[in-house]
N, C-alpha and C. Protein backbone atom coordinates (compact mmCIF):
# COMPACT_ATOMS: atom_id res chain seq x y z
N MET A 1 150.81 102.44 90.67
CA MET A 1 150.73 101.92 92.01
C MET A 1 151.97 102.36 92.78
N SER A 2 151.73 102.75 94.00
CA SER A 2 152.85 103.13 94.85
C SER A 2 152.76 102.38 96.17
N ARG A 3 153.89 102.09 96.74
CA ARG A 3 153.93 101.38 98.01
C ARG A 3 153.77 102.36 99.14
N VAL A 4 152.78 102.14 99.99
CA VAL A 4 152.54 103.00 101.13
C VAL A 4 153.25 102.44 102.37
N GLY A 5 153.21 101.17 102.54
CA GLY A 5 153.85 100.54 103.68
C GLY A 5 154.12 99.09 103.34
N PRO A 6 154.60 98.32 104.30
CA PRO A 6 154.88 96.92 104.02
C PRO A 6 153.60 96.17 103.64
N GLY A 7 153.59 95.68 102.43
CA GLY A 7 152.45 94.90 101.96
C GLY A 7 151.22 95.72 101.60
N VAL A 8 151.30 97.06 101.67
CA VAL A 8 150.15 97.91 101.38
C VAL A 8 150.48 98.74 100.15
N SER A 9 149.61 98.71 99.18
CA SER A 9 149.81 99.56 98.00
C SER A 9 148.52 100.32 97.73
N SER A 10 148.65 101.45 97.10
CA SER A 10 147.46 102.25 96.79
C SER A 10 147.65 102.93 95.45
N ARG A 11 146.56 103.24 94.84
CA ARG A 11 146.60 104.00 93.59
C ARG A 11 146.55 105.46 93.93
N VAL A 12 147.50 106.21 93.46
CA VAL A 12 147.55 107.63 93.72
C VAL A 12 146.67 108.34 92.71
N GLY A 13 145.70 109.08 93.20
CA GLY A 13 144.90 109.92 92.31
C GLY A 13 143.76 109.22 91.60
N SER A 14 143.50 107.95 91.88
CA SER A 14 142.43 107.27 91.15
C SER A 14 141.07 107.88 91.47
N GLY A 15 140.82 108.24 92.72
CA GLY A 15 139.56 108.87 93.09
C GLY A 15 139.46 110.28 92.55
N ALA A 16 140.59 110.99 92.51
CA ALA A 16 140.60 112.36 92.01
C ALA A 16 140.24 112.41 90.53
N GLY A 17 140.68 111.41 89.78
CA GLY A 17 140.36 111.38 88.35
C GLY A 17 138.88 111.21 88.10
N ALA A 18 138.25 110.34 88.90
CA ALA A 18 136.81 110.13 88.75
C ALA A 18 136.04 111.39 89.13
N LEU A 19 136.50 112.07 90.18
CA LEU A 19 135.83 113.30 90.59
C LEU A 19 135.99 114.38 89.53
N LEU A 20 137.17 114.45 88.92
CA LEU A 20 137.40 115.44 87.87
C LEU A 20 136.51 115.15 86.67
N ARG A 21 136.37 113.87 86.32
CA ARG A 21 135.49 113.51 85.21
C ARG A 21 134.05 113.89 85.51
N LEU A 22 133.61 113.70 86.75
CA LEU A 22 132.25 114.08 87.13
C LEU A 22 132.06 115.59 87.02
N ARG A 23 133.05 116.34 87.48
CA ARG A 23 132.98 117.81 87.41
C ARG A 23 132.86 118.26 85.96
N TRP A 24 133.67 117.68 85.08
CA TRP A 24 133.61 118.06 83.67
C TRP A 24 132.32 117.58 83.02
N SER A 25 131.81 116.44 83.45
CA SER A 25 130.53 115.96 82.92
C SER A 25 129.41 116.94 83.26
N VAL A 26 129.41 117.44 84.49
CA VAL A 26 128.40 118.42 84.90
C VAL A 26 128.55 119.70 84.07
N ARG A 27 129.78 120.12 83.83
CA ARG A 27 130.00 121.34 83.04
C ARG A 27 129.53 121.15 81.60
N VAL A 28 129.82 120.01 81.01
CA VAL A 28 129.38 119.76 79.63
C VAL A 28 127.86 119.66 79.58
N LEU A 29 127.24 119.06 80.58
CA LEU A 29 125.77 119.03 80.63
C LEU A 29 125.19 120.43 80.74
N ALA A 30 125.85 121.30 81.51
CA ALA A 30 125.39 122.70 81.61
C ALA A 30 125.52 123.40 80.26
N VAL A 31 126.59 123.12 79.52
CA VAL A 31 126.75 123.69 78.18
C VAL A 31 125.65 123.18 77.26
N LEU A 32 125.35 121.89 77.32
CA LEU A 32 124.29 121.33 76.49
C LEU A 32 122.93 121.93 76.83
N LEU A 33 122.66 122.14 78.11
CA LEU A 33 121.41 122.78 78.51
C LEU A 33 121.35 124.22 77.99
N ALA A 34 122.45 124.95 78.12
CA ALA A 34 122.49 126.33 77.61
C ALA A 34 122.31 126.35 76.10
N LEU A 35 122.94 125.43 75.40
CA LEU A 35 122.80 125.35 73.94
C LEU A 35 121.36 125.05 73.56
N THR A 36 120.71 124.16 74.29
CA THR A 36 119.31 123.83 74.01
C THR A 36 118.42 125.05 74.21
N LEU A 37 118.67 125.81 75.28
CA LEU A 37 117.88 127.02 75.53
C LEU A 37 118.10 128.07 74.44
N VAL A 38 119.35 128.24 74.00
CA VAL A 38 119.64 129.21 72.93
C VAL A 38 118.94 128.80 71.65
N LEU A 39 118.99 127.51 71.31
CA LEU A 39 118.32 127.03 70.10
C LEU A 39 116.80 127.17 70.21
N ALA A 40 116.24 126.95 71.40
CA ALA A 40 114.80 127.11 71.60
C ALA A 40 114.40 128.57 71.44
N LEU A 41 115.21 129.49 71.98
CA LEU A 41 114.92 130.92 71.82
C LEU A 41 114.98 131.33 70.36
N ALA A 42 115.99 130.83 69.65
CA ALA A 42 116.11 131.16 68.23
C ALA A 42 114.94 130.59 67.43
N ALA A 43 114.48 129.39 67.79
CA ALA A 43 113.35 128.78 67.09
C ALA A 43 112.05 129.54 67.35
N ARG A 44 111.97 130.22 68.47
CA ARG A 44 110.77 131.01 68.79
C ARG A 44 110.84 132.42 68.22
N GLY A 45 111.89 132.72 67.48
CA GLY A 45 111.96 134.00 66.80
C GLY A 45 112.76 135.08 67.50
N VAL A 46 113.43 134.75 68.59
CA VAL A 46 114.29 135.74 69.26
C VAL A 46 115.51 135.94 68.38
N LEU A 47 115.67 137.16 67.86
CA LEU A 47 116.72 137.41 66.88
C LEU A 47 118.12 137.44 67.48
N ALA A 48 118.26 137.96 68.68
CA ALA A 48 119.57 138.06 69.30
C ALA A 48 119.50 137.55 70.74
N PRO A 49 119.41 136.22 70.90
CA PRO A 49 119.31 135.70 72.27
C PRO A 49 120.62 135.89 73.02
N PRO A 50 120.55 136.00 74.35
CA PRO A 50 121.79 136.11 75.12
C PRO A 50 122.63 134.84 74.94
N ASP A 51 123.93 134.99 75.05
CA ASP A 51 124.84 133.87 74.85
C ASP A 51 124.96 133.08 76.14
N LEU A 52 124.08 132.11 76.32
CA LEU A 52 124.04 131.32 77.54
C LEU A 52 125.22 130.36 77.64
N VAL A 53 125.70 129.89 76.51
CA VAL A 53 126.87 129.00 76.52
C VAL A 53 128.08 129.76 77.06
N LEU A 54 128.22 131.01 76.67
CA LEU A 54 129.32 131.84 77.16
C LEU A 54 129.26 131.98 78.67
N LEU A 55 128.07 132.08 79.23
CA LEU A 55 127.93 132.22 80.68
C LEU A 55 128.45 130.98 81.41
N VAL A 56 128.19 129.81 80.86
CA VAL A 56 128.70 128.57 81.46
C VAL A 56 130.22 128.54 81.38
N VAL A 57 130.76 128.97 80.24
CA VAL A 57 132.21 129.00 80.04
C VAL A 57 132.85 129.97 81.03
N VAL A 58 132.27 131.15 81.18
CA VAL A 58 132.82 132.15 82.10
C VAL A 58 132.78 131.65 83.54
N ALA A 59 131.69 131.00 83.92
CA ALA A 59 131.60 130.48 85.29
C ALA A 59 132.70 129.45 85.55
N ALA A 60 132.92 128.54 84.60
CA ALA A 60 133.98 127.55 84.77
C ALA A 60 135.35 128.22 84.81
N ALA A 61 135.54 129.25 84.00
CA ALA A 61 136.82 129.95 83.97
C ALA A 61 137.07 130.70 85.28
N LEU A 62 136.04 131.32 85.83
CA LEU A 62 136.21 132.04 87.09
C LEU A 62 136.49 131.09 88.25
N VAL A 63 135.95 129.88 88.18
CA VAL A 63 136.17 128.91 89.25
C VAL A 63 137.53 128.22 89.11
N SER A 64 137.89 127.83 87.88
CA SER A 64 139.05 126.96 87.69
C SER A 64 140.21 127.56 86.91
N GLY A 65 140.05 128.75 86.36
CA GLY A 65 141.16 129.38 85.66
C GLY A 65 141.08 129.29 84.14
N SER A 66 142.15 129.76 83.51
CA SER A 66 142.18 129.91 82.05
C SER A 66 142.12 128.59 81.30
N ARG A 67 142.84 127.57 81.78
CA ARG A 67 142.85 126.29 81.06
C ARG A 67 141.46 125.68 81.00
N ALA A 68 140.77 125.69 82.13
CA ALA A 68 139.41 125.13 82.17
C ALA A 68 138.47 125.96 81.32
N GLY A 69 138.61 127.29 81.37
CA GLY A 69 137.76 128.16 80.56
C GLY A 69 137.98 127.94 79.08
N ALA A 70 139.25 127.83 78.68
CA ALA A 70 139.55 127.61 77.26
C ALA A 70 139.05 126.24 76.81
N GLY A 71 139.24 125.22 77.65
CA GLY A 71 138.79 123.88 77.29
C GLY A 71 137.28 123.79 77.14
N LEU A 72 136.57 124.34 78.12
CA LEU A 72 135.11 124.30 78.03
C LEU A 72 134.62 125.20 76.90
N GLY A 73 135.32 126.30 76.64
CA GLY A 73 134.98 127.15 75.51
C GLY A 73 135.11 126.42 74.19
N LEU A 74 136.17 125.62 74.05
CA LEU A 74 136.33 124.83 72.82
C LEU A 74 135.19 123.82 72.67
N VAL A 75 134.86 123.12 73.75
CA VAL A 75 133.78 122.14 73.70
C VAL A 75 132.46 122.82 73.37
N GLY A 76 132.15 123.91 74.08
CA GLY A 76 130.91 124.64 73.82
C GLY A 76 130.86 125.20 72.41
N GLY A 77 131.99 125.70 71.94
CA GLY A 77 132.05 126.24 70.58
C GLY A 77 131.84 125.16 69.52
N TRP A 78 132.43 123.99 69.74
CA TRP A 78 132.23 122.90 68.79
C TRP A 78 130.76 122.49 68.75
N LEU A 79 130.14 122.42 69.92
CA LEU A 79 128.72 122.08 69.95
C LEU A 79 127.88 123.14 69.24
N LEU A 80 128.21 124.41 69.45
CA LEU A 80 127.50 125.49 68.74
C LEU A 80 127.74 125.41 67.23
N ASP A 81 128.98 125.10 66.84
CA ASP A 81 129.29 124.98 65.42
C ASP A 81 128.49 123.86 64.76
N LEU A 82 128.28 122.78 65.49
CA LEU A 82 127.57 121.63 64.92
C LEU A 82 126.05 121.76 65.00
N ALA A 83 125.56 122.68 65.84
CA ALA A 83 124.11 122.86 65.98
C ALA A 83 123.56 123.62 64.77
N PRO A 84 122.33 123.29 64.36
CA PRO A 84 121.74 124.02 63.24
C PRO A 84 121.43 125.46 63.63
N PRO A 85 121.44 126.41 62.77
CA PRO A 85 121.63 126.34 61.34
C PRO A 85 123.09 126.43 60.91
N GLY A 86 124.02 126.75 61.78
CA GLY A 86 125.45 126.73 61.46
C GLY A 86 125.82 127.59 60.27
N GLY A 87 126.08 128.86 60.50
CA GLY A 87 126.37 129.76 59.38
C GLY A 87 127.81 130.17 59.25
N GLU A 88 128.61 130.02 60.29
CA GLU A 88 130.00 130.47 60.25
C GLU A 88 130.90 129.30 59.85
N PRO A 89 132.13 129.59 59.47
CA PRO A 89 133.05 128.48 59.15
C PRO A 89 133.19 127.55 60.35
N LEU A 90 133.18 126.25 60.08
CA LEU A 90 133.25 125.25 61.14
C LEU A 90 134.52 125.42 61.96
N GLY A 91 134.38 125.54 63.25
CA GLY A 91 135.51 125.70 64.15
C GLY A 91 135.74 127.13 64.61
N LEU A 92 135.14 128.10 63.92
CA LEU A 92 135.36 129.50 64.29
C LEU A 92 134.77 129.79 65.67
N THR A 93 133.57 129.32 65.93
CA THR A 93 132.95 129.54 67.23
C THR A 93 133.74 128.83 68.33
N ALA A 94 134.25 127.65 68.04
CA ALA A 94 135.05 126.93 69.03
C ALA A 94 136.31 127.72 69.39
N LEU A 95 136.98 128.25 68.39
CA LEU A 95 138.20 129.02 68.66
C LEU A 95 137.90 130.31 69.41
N THR A 96 136.84 131.01 69.02
CA THR A 96 136.55 132.28 69.68
C THR A 96 136.02 132.07 71.10
N LEU A 97 135.21 131.02 71.31
CA LEU A 97 134.76 130.73 72.68
C LEU A 97 135.91 130.21 73.55
N GLY A 98 136.83 129.48 72.94
CA GLY A 98 138.01 129.05 73.68
C GLY A 98 138.85 130.24 74.11
N ALA A 99 139.02 131.20 73.21
CA ALA A 99 139.75 132.43 73.55
C ALA A 99 139.01 133.22 74.63
N ALA A 100 137.69 133.28 74.52
CA ALA A 100 136.89 133.99 75.52
C ALA A 100 137.01 133.31 76.89
N GLY A 101 137.02 131.99 76.91
CA GLY A 101 137.20 131.26 78.16
C GLY A 101 138.56 131.51 78.77
N TRP A 102 139.58 131.57 77.93
CA TRP A 102 140.92 131.86 78.43
C TRP A 102 140.98 133.27 79.02
N VAL A 103 140.40 134.24 78.29
CA VAL A 103 140.38 135.63 78.79
C VAL A 103 139.63 135.70 80.12
N ALA A 104 138.48 135.04 80.20
CA ALA A 104 137.71 135.05 81.46
C ALA A 104 138.49 134.38 82.58
N GLY A 105 139.25 133.36 82.25
CA GLY A 105 140.04 132.66 83.26
C GLY A 105 141.14 133.51 83.86
N THR A 106 141.58 134.52 83.14
CA THR A 106 142.59 135.42 83.71
C THR A 106 142.01 136.25 84.84
N ALA A 107 140.70 136.31 84.94
CA ALA A 107 140.04 137.04 86.03
C ALA A 107 139.78 136.15 87.24
N HIS A 108 140.23 134.90 87.18
CA HIS A 108 140.05 133.94 88.28
C HIS A 108 140.76 134.45 89.53
N ARG A 109 140.05 134.41 90.65
CA ARG A 109 140.62 134.80 91.95
C ARG A 109 140.40 133.67 92.93
N ARG A 110 141.43 133.34 93.65
CA ARG A 110 141.33 132.24 94.62
C ARG A 110 140.44 132.59 95.81
N ALA A 111 140.42 133.84 96.19
CA ALA A 111 139.68 134.24 97.39
C ALA A 111 138.26 134.73 97.08
N GLY A 112 137.75 134.44 95.91
CA GLY A 112 136.42 134.91 95.55
C GLY A 112 136.47 136.27 94.88
N HIS A 113 135.31 136.80 94.61
CA HIS A 113 135.23 138.09 93.93
C HIS A 113 133.98 138.82 94.38
N PRO A 114 133.93 140.15 94.14
CA PRO A 114 132.73 140.90 94.51
C PRO A 114 131.53 140.49 93.65
N TRP A 115 130.34 140.82 94.10
CA TRP A 115 129.10 140.41 93.42
C TRP A 115 129.01 140.93 92.00
N TRP A 116 129.60 142.07 91.71
CA TRP A 116 129.50 142.68 90.38
C TRP A 116 130.56 142.17 89.41
N TRP A 117 131.51 141.40 89.89
CA TRP A 117 132.65 140.97 89.07
C TRP A 117 132.26 140.22 87.79
N PRO A 118 131.24 139.36 87.79
CA PRO A 118 130.91 138.66 86.55
C PRO A 118 130.51 139.58 85.39
N VAL A 119 129.95 140.76 85.66
CA VAL A 119 129.48 141.62 84.57
C VAL A 119 130.64 142.06 83.66
N PRO A 120 131.72 142.67 84.17
CA PRO A 120 132.80 143.04 83.26
C PRO A 120 133.52 141.83 82.66
N VAL A 121 133.59 140.73 83.40
CA VAL A 121 134.25 139.54 82.86
C VAL A 121 133.43 138.97 81.71
N VAL A 122 132.11 138.88 81.89
CA VAL A 122 131.24 138.39 80.81
C VAL A 122 131.30 139.34 79.61
N ALA A 123 131.29 140.64 79.86
CA ALA A 123 131.34 141.61 78.76
C ALA A 123 132.64 141.46 77.98
N LEU A 124 133.76 141.33 78.67
CA LEU A 124 135.04 141.17 77.98
C LEU A 124 135.10 139.84 77.22
N ALA A 125 134.59 138.78 77.82
CA ALA A 125 134.55 137.49 77.15
C ALA A 125 133.63 137.55 75.92
N PHE A 126 132.52 138.24 76.04
CA PHE A 126 131.59 138.39 74.90
C PHE A 126 132.29 139.12 73.75
N LEU A 127 132.95 140.23 74.08
CA LEU A 127 133.65 140.98 73.04
C LEU A 127 134.76 140.14 72.40
N THR A 128 135.45 139.35 73.21
CA THR A 128 136.49 138.47 72.68
C THR A 128 135.89 137.44 71.72
N SER A 129 134.75 136.88 72.09
CA SER A 129 134.15 135.84 71.25
C SER A 129 133.53 136.40 69.98
N ARG A 130 133.23 137.68 69.95
CA ARG A 130 132.60 138.27 68.76
C ARG A 130 133.59 139.01 67.86
N LEU A 131 134.81 139.22 68.32
CA LEU A 131 135.76 140.02 67.56
C LEU A 131 136.08 139.41 66.20
N VAL A 132 136.44 138.15 66.15
CA VAL A 132 136.83 137.52 64.88
C VAL A 132 135.66 137.44 63.91
N PRO A 133 134.45 137.00 64.33
CA PRO A 133 133.34 137.00 63.37
C PRO A 133 133.01 138.39 62.82
N VAL A 134 133.09 139.42 63.66
CA VAL A 134 132.82 140.78 63.18
C VAL A 134 133.89 141.21 62.19
N LEU A 135 135.16 140.94 62.50
CA LEU A 135 136.23 141.29 61.57
C LEU A 135 136.09 140.52 60.26
N LEU A 136 135.67 139.28 60.33
CA LEU A 136 135.45 138.48 59.13
C LEU A 136 134.32 139.08 58.29
N ASP A 137 133.23 139.47 58.94
CA ASP A 137 132.13 140.11 58.21
C ASP A 137 132.58 141.41 57.55
N LEU A 138 133.33 142.21 58.28
CA LEU A 138 133.82 143.47 57.72
C LEU A 138 134.78 143.23 56.56
N ALA A 139 135.60 142.19 56.66
CA ALA A 139 136.58 141.90 55.61
C ALA A 139 135.92 141.49 54.30
N VAL A 140 134.81 140.76 54.38
CA VAL A 140 134.15 140.31 53.15
C VAL A 140 133.02 141.23 52.72
N GLY A 141 132.82 142.31 53.45
CA GLY A 141 131.82 143.30 53.05
C GLY A 141 130.40 143.01 53.49
N ARG A 142 130.21 142.07 54.40
CA ARG A 142 128.87 141.80 54.93
C ARG A 142 128.53 142.85 55.97
N PRO A 143 127.27 143.24 56.06
CA PRO A 143 126.90 144.22 57.09
C PRO A 143 126.95 143.58 58.48
N VAL A 144 127.31 144.39 59.46
CA VAL A 144 127.37 143.94 60.85
C VAL A 144 126.17 144.54 61.57
N ALA A 145 125.42 143.71 62.26
CA ALA A 145 124.23 144.17 63.00
C ALA A 145 124.69 144.69 64.36
N TRP A 146 125.13 145.94 64.39
CA TRP A 146 125.68 146.52 65.62
C TRP A 146 124.63 146.60 66.72
N GLY A 147 123.39 146.92 66.36
CA GLY A 147 122.33 147.00 67.36
C GLY A 147 122.06 145.64 68.00
N SER A 148 122.05 144.61 67.18
CA SER A 148 121.84 143.25 67.68
C SER A 148 122.99 142.82 68.59
N LEU A 149 124.22 143.14 68.18
CA LEU A 149 125.38 142.81 69.01
C LEU A 149 125.34 143.54 70.35
N THR A 150 124.94 144.81 70.31
CA THR A 150 124.85 145.59 71.54
C THR A 150 123.80 144.99 72.47
N TRP A 151 122.64 144.63 71.91
CA TRP A 151 121.60 144.02 72.72
C TRP A 151 122.09 142.71 73.33
N GLN A 152 122.76 141.88 72.53
CA GLN A 152 123.28 140.61 73.04
C GLN A 152 124.29 140.84 74.16
N LEU A 153 125.15 141.84 74.00
CA LEU A 153 126.14 142.15 75.02
C LEU A 153 125.46 142.54 76.33
N VAL A 154 124.50 143.45 76.25
CA VAL A 154 123.80 143.92 77.46
C VAL A 154 123.03 142.77 78.11
N ALA A 155 122.31 142.00 77.30
CA ALA A 155 121.51 140.89 77.84
C ALA A 155 122.40 139.81 78.46
N THR A 156 123.49 139.48 77.78
CA THR A 156 124.38 138.44 78.29
C THR A 156 125.07 138.88 79.57
N ALA A 157 125.56 140.13 79.61
CA ALA A 157 126.23 140.63 80.81
C ALA A 157 125.26 140.74 81.98
N THR A 158 124.04 141.16 81.71
CA THR A 158 123.04 141.28 82.78
C THR A 158 122.67 139.90 83.32
N LEU A 159 122.45 138.95 82.44
CA LEU A 159 122.17 137.58 82.90
C LEU A 159 123.37 136.99 83.63
N GLY A 160 124.56 137.40 83.23
CA GLY A 160 125.77 136.93 83.90
C GLY A 160 125.81 137.29 85.36
N LEU A 161 125.16 138.39 85.71
CA LEU A 161 125.11 138.82 87.11
C LEU A 161 124.38 137.79 87.98
N VAL A 162 123.45 137.06 87.39
CA VAL A 162 122.67 136.06 88.13
C VAL A 162 123.17 134.64 87.86
N VAL A 163 123.37 134.31 86.58
CA VAL A 163 123.67 132.93 86.19
C VAL A 163 125.07 132.50 86.62
N VAL A 164 126.06 133.35 86.41
CA VAL A 164 127.45 132.96 86.73
C VAL A 164 127.62 132.63 88.21
N PRO A 165 127.13 133.48 89.15
CA PRO A 165 127.26 133.09 90.56
C PRO A 165 126.52 131.79 90.90
N LEU A 166 125.38 131.54 90.27
CA LEU A 166 124.66 130.29 90.52
C LEU A 166 125.48 129.09 90.06
N LEU A 167 126.10 129.20 88.89
CA LEU A 167 126.93 128.10 88.39
C LEU A 167 128.19 127.93 89.24
N GLU A 168 128.75 129.03 89.73
CA GLU A 168 129.91 128.94 90.62
C GLU A 168 129.52 128.23 91.92
N ARG A 169 128.35 128.54 92.44
CA ARG A 169 127.90 127.89 93.68
C ARG A 169 127.61 126.41 93.46
N LEU A 170 127.07 126.07 92.28
CA LEU A 170 126.86 124.66 91.95
C LEU A 170 128.20 123.92 91.93
N ASP A 171 129.19 124.51 91.30
CA ASP A 171 130.52 123.91 91.24
C ASP A 171 131.10 123.76 92.65
N ALA A 172 130.96 124.80 93.46
CA ALA A 172 131.48 124.76 94.83
C ALA A 172 130.75 123.70 95.66
N ALA A 173 129.46 123.55 95.44
CA ALA A 173 128.69 122.53 96.18
C ALA A 173 129.15 121.13 95.79
N LEU A 174 129.44 120.92 94.52
CA LEU A 174 129.96 119.61 94.09
C LEU A 174 131.29 119.32 94.74
N VAL A 175 132.15 120.33 94.82
CA VAL A 175 133.47 120.15 95.44
C VAL A 175 133.32 119.92 96.94
N ARG A 176 132.46 120.70 97.58
CA ARG A 176 132.26 120.59 99.02
C ARG A 176 131.75 119.20 99.41
N ARG A 177 130.89 118.65 98.59
CA ARG A 177 130.34 117.31 98.88
C ARG A 177 131.26 116.20 98.37
N ARG A 178 132.37 116.61 97.79
CA ARG A 178 133.36 115.69 97.22
C ARG A 178 132.78 114.85 96.09
N TRP A 179 131.86 115.46 95.35
CA TRP A 179 131.32 114.82 94.16
C TRP A 179 132.12 115.22 92.93
N ALA A 180 132.91 116.26 93.06
CA ALA A 180 133.71 116.73 91.92
C ALA A 180 134.97 117.37 92.42
């Protein structure tokens, strides 16, 4: 509590905290929706679905910077780690998606970006998120499905051209309406 004037006190930042929580709640819901879609695609037999969770992480990173990207990447990665069938060591996806979110956040621009900007950012974030699992597979002698990885990269980057700007606009609309 801080004193504003004689007999008047106010809480500094109390409304901002609620708005920030709402913004993060919307982001986590977007990650959960993306995770549900990825699991549904995998259940229908799609061998290499695009990484929709990564797209949500990249959108948050481009809007809010590296800290937000890394934080949402950790949350999204933990959710992916806990989702079935879960084949990698627990926490590996969280760490790699957190790193990918941080890398994507370095591309954050205050004045906006050109329409094509999400494609290279998504591609770099994708490569960042796949580097450690590929190195782990190579270290233990497991084969790496290079064709599948290439398809996922192309599909994810192409979808990023549409999905990332939509998520950025959703975030901007929440801020503009003072909902987040």
